[in-house]
Amino acid sequence: MIKPSWSPVAFVLGVSTFGSAQDISGDWQGPLTTQMGELRLVLHVTKQPDGTYSATMDSPDQNSNGVPLDTMTLDGAKVHFTLNVAKGFFDGTLKSNGSISGNWSQGTPPQKTPLVLTKTTSPIKTQHDPAPPSISTEPGRARSRRRDKGSSV
């Protein structure tokens, strides 16, 4: 198995049975349960002018943002995407409740892991402002910037 910075990654994208003009554009997120624990995944899907889709994936728990998917397709209610760098792919279905349910497969031979993605208007924030530096009065010891009552520093 390749060990990219966000190794076991999975994402589900599906298609809807809401009519012929289905659109899966937008942000989708869901948890992928792995041997290492649960990984949060965020998929950003864009519909191109020619009707095809492109997408990027974030794995906030692995500090991975904006990884381009190699393929992203919607065929009826079936969703498929690949992430070659992770030797992975997803096959799923857009459900009537608006979720995408399917399996992320990764590795050789591929191991399937269930993945359910839900559409969101507020995807997981993957970048945070850095914390302010600690101050120290002694070498090797950090002290909080908070002042205690009666403290002069």
Protein backbone atom coordinates (compact mmCIF):
# COMPACT_ATOMS: atom_id res chain seq x y z
CA MET A 1 0.00 0.00 0.00
CA ILE A 2 1.28 3.46 -0.88
CA LYS A 3 1.66 5.70 2.14
CA PRO A 4 0.60 9.16 1.01
CA SER A 5 0.28 11.76 3.75
CA TRP A 6 -3.38 10.81 4.07
CA SER A 7 -3.14 7.07 3.30
CA PRO A 8 -6.48 5.32 3.61
CA VAL A 9 -8.82 7.84 2.10
CA ALA A 10 -12.31 7.24 1.02
CA PHE A 11 -15.04 9.21 -0.41
CA VAL A 12 -18.52 8.53 -1.60
CA LEU A 13 -20.27 10.39 -4.27
CA GLY A 14 -23.56 9.35 -5.70
CA VAL A 15 -26.19 10.35 -8.02
CA SER A 16 -29.76 11.24 -7.36
CA THR A 17 -32.96 9.75 -8.56
CA PHE A 18 -34.51 13.23 -8.51
CA GLY A 19 -34.88 13.49 -12.27
CA SER A 20 -32.85 13.64 -15.40
CA ALA A 21 -30.96 16.86 -14.62
CA GLN A 22 -29.03 15.55 -11.64
CA ASP A 23 -26.29 17.68 -10.21
CA ILE A 24 -23.83 16.63 -7.52
CA SER A 25 -21.93 19.92 -7.49
CA GLY A 26 -21.02 21.21 -4.05
CA ASP A 27 -19.36 20.05 -0.85
CA TRP A 28 -19.82 16.56 0.53
CA GLN A 29 -18.40 15.09 3.71
CA GLY A 30 -18.41 11.86 5.67
CA PRO A 31 -16.34 9.62 7.92
CA LEU A 32 -14.23 6.72 6.70
CA THR A 33 -13.56 4.07 9.33
CA THR A 34 -10.08 2.57 9.00
CA GLN A 35 -7.80 0.39 11.12
CA MET A 36 -6.20 3.65 12.29
CA GLY A 37 -9.55 5.10 13.37
CA GLU A 38 -12.07 7.40 11.78
CA LEU A 39 -10.93 9.82 9.06
CA ARG A 40 -13.07 12.78 8.07
CA LEU A 41 -13.26 13.32 4.32
CA VAL A 42 -14.48 16.34 2.39
CA LEU A 43 -15.17 16.30 -1.34
CA HIS A 44 -15.51 19.50 -3.39
CA VAL A 45 -17.33 18.76 -6.67
CA THR A 46 -17.59 21.17 -9.61
CA LYS A 47 -19.69 20.75 -12.73
CA GLN A 48 -17.76 21.83 -15.83
CA PRO A 49 -19.33 23.79 -18.73
CA ASP A 50 -19.35 20.59 -20.83
CA GLY A 51 -21.43 18.76 -18.17
CA THR A 52 -18.60 16.63 -16.79
CA TYR A 53 -17.45 16.79 -13.17
CA SER A 54 -14.13 17.44 -11.47
CA ALA A 55 -13.41 17.26 -7.77
CA THR A 56 -10.82 17.69 -5.05
CA MET A 57 -10.64 15.90 -1.73
CA ASP A 58 -9.59 17.00 1.75
CA SER A 59 -8.64 14.68 4.59
CA PRO A 60 -8.47 17.08 7.57
CA ASP A 61 -7.26 14.40 9.97
CA GLN A 62 -4.29 13.73 7.70
CA ASN A 63 -3.50 17.39 6.96
CA SER A 64 -4.30 16.86 3.30
CA ASN A 65 -6.18 19.55 1.35
CA GLY A 66 -7.22 20.06 -2.25
CA VAL A 67 -6.03 16.73 -3.65
CA PRO A 68 -7.39 16.48 -7.22
CA LEU A 69 -9.35 13.35 -8.06
CA ASP A 70 -8.25 11.68 -11.30
CA THR A 71 -11.79 10.93 -12.43
CA MET A 72 -15.25 11.96 -11.23
CA THR A 73 -18.30 10.58 -13.02
CA LEU A 74 -22.04 10.53 -12.58
CA ASP A 75 -24.04 8.01 -14.61
CA GLY A 76 -27.72 8.04 -13.68
CA ALA A 77 -27.60 7.56 -9.90
CA LYS A 78 -24.16 5.93 -9.96
CA VAL A 79 -21.14 7.90 -8.79
CA HIS A 80 -17.54 6.85 -9.43
CA PHE A 81 -14.25 8.57 -8.71
CA THR A 82 -10.61 7.56 -8.57
CA LEU A 83 -7.60 8.74 -6.63
CA ASN A 84 -4.64 7.09 -8.33
CA VAL A 85 -2.00 8.38 -5.88
CA ALA A 86 -3.73 6.34 -3.15
CA LYS A 87 -4.55 3.43 -5.47
CA GLY A 88 -8.17 4.01 -4.54
CA PHE A 89 -11.59 4.38 -6.07
CA PHE A 90 -15.17 4.88 -4.99
CA ASP A 91 -18.38 3.37 -6.34
CA GLY A 92 -21.64 4.61 -4.89
CA THR A 93 -25.22 5.66 -5.43
CA LEU A 94 -26.99 8.96 -4.83
CA LYS A 95 -29.89 8.16 -2.53
CA SER A 96 -33.31 9.84 -2.41
CA ASN A 97 -32.40 11.34 1.00
CA GLY A 98 -29.59 13.29 -0.68
CA SER A 99 -26.70 11.18 0.62
CA ILE A 100 -24.19 9.23 -1.43
CA SER A 101 -23.67 5.71 -0.19
CA GLY A 102 -21.09 3.24 -1.43
CA ASN A 103 -17.66 1.72 -0.92
CA TRP A 104 -14.16 3.16 -1.00
CA SER A 105 -11.71 0.53 -2.30
CA GLN A 106 -7.98 0.89 -1.83
CA GLY A 107 -4.81 -1.16 -2.13
CA THR A 108 -3.78 -4.29 -3.99
CA PRO A 109 -5.92 -6.32 -3.78
CA PRO A 110 -8.48 -3.60 -3.06
CA GLN A 111 -10.10 -3.60 0.36
CA LYS A 112 -13.64 -2.18 0.48
CA THR A 113 -14.73 0.19 3.21
CA PRO A 114 -18.28 1.59 3.44
CA LEU A 115 -18.53 5.36 3.02
CA VAL A 116 -21.58 7.63 3.22
CA LEU A 117 -21.26 11.27 2.19
CA THR A 118 -23.76 13.99 2.94
CA LYS A 119 -24.02 17.32 1.18
CA THR A 120 -23.12 20.29 3.34
CA THR A 121 -23.12 24.06 3.08
CA SER A 122 -20.43 24.35 5.77
CA PRO A 123 -17.67 21.81 5.12
CA ILE A 124 -15.14 20.95 7.80
CA LYS A 125 -12.57 23.72 8.13
CA THR A 126 -9.23 22.24 7.14
CA GLN A 127 -6.96 25.21 7.80
CA HIS A 128 -6.65 26.96 11.13
CA ASP A 129 -4.85 30.07 12.33
CA PRO A 130 -1.66 29.20 14.23
CA ALA A 131 -1.67 29.56 18.00
CA PRO A 132 0.34 32.46 19.42
CA PRO A 133 3.81 31.53 20.63
CA SER A 134 4.39 30.80 24.30
CA ILE A 135 6.69 33.08 26.25
CA SER A 136 9.38 31.85 28.58
CA THR A 137 11.42 33.31 31.40
CA GLU A 138 13.64 30.24 31.73
CA PRO A 139 15.41 28.27 29.03
CA GLY A 140 13.38 25.19 28.10
CA ARG A 141 10.24 26.31 29.99
CA ALA A 142 7.22 27.92 28.37
CA ARG A 143 4.71 30.04 30.22
CA SER A 144 1.24 31.10 29.22
CA ARG A 145 0.57 34.67 28.11
CA ARG A 146 -2.35 34.75 30.55
CA ARG A 147 -1.77 36.93 33.59
CA ASP A 148 -2.70 35.54 36.97
CA LYS A 149 -4.11 37.86 39.65
CA GLY A 150 -1.28 39.61 41.42
CA SER A 151 1.20 38.69 38.70
CA SER A 152 3.36 41.41 37.23
CA VAL A 153 4.00 39.53 34.00
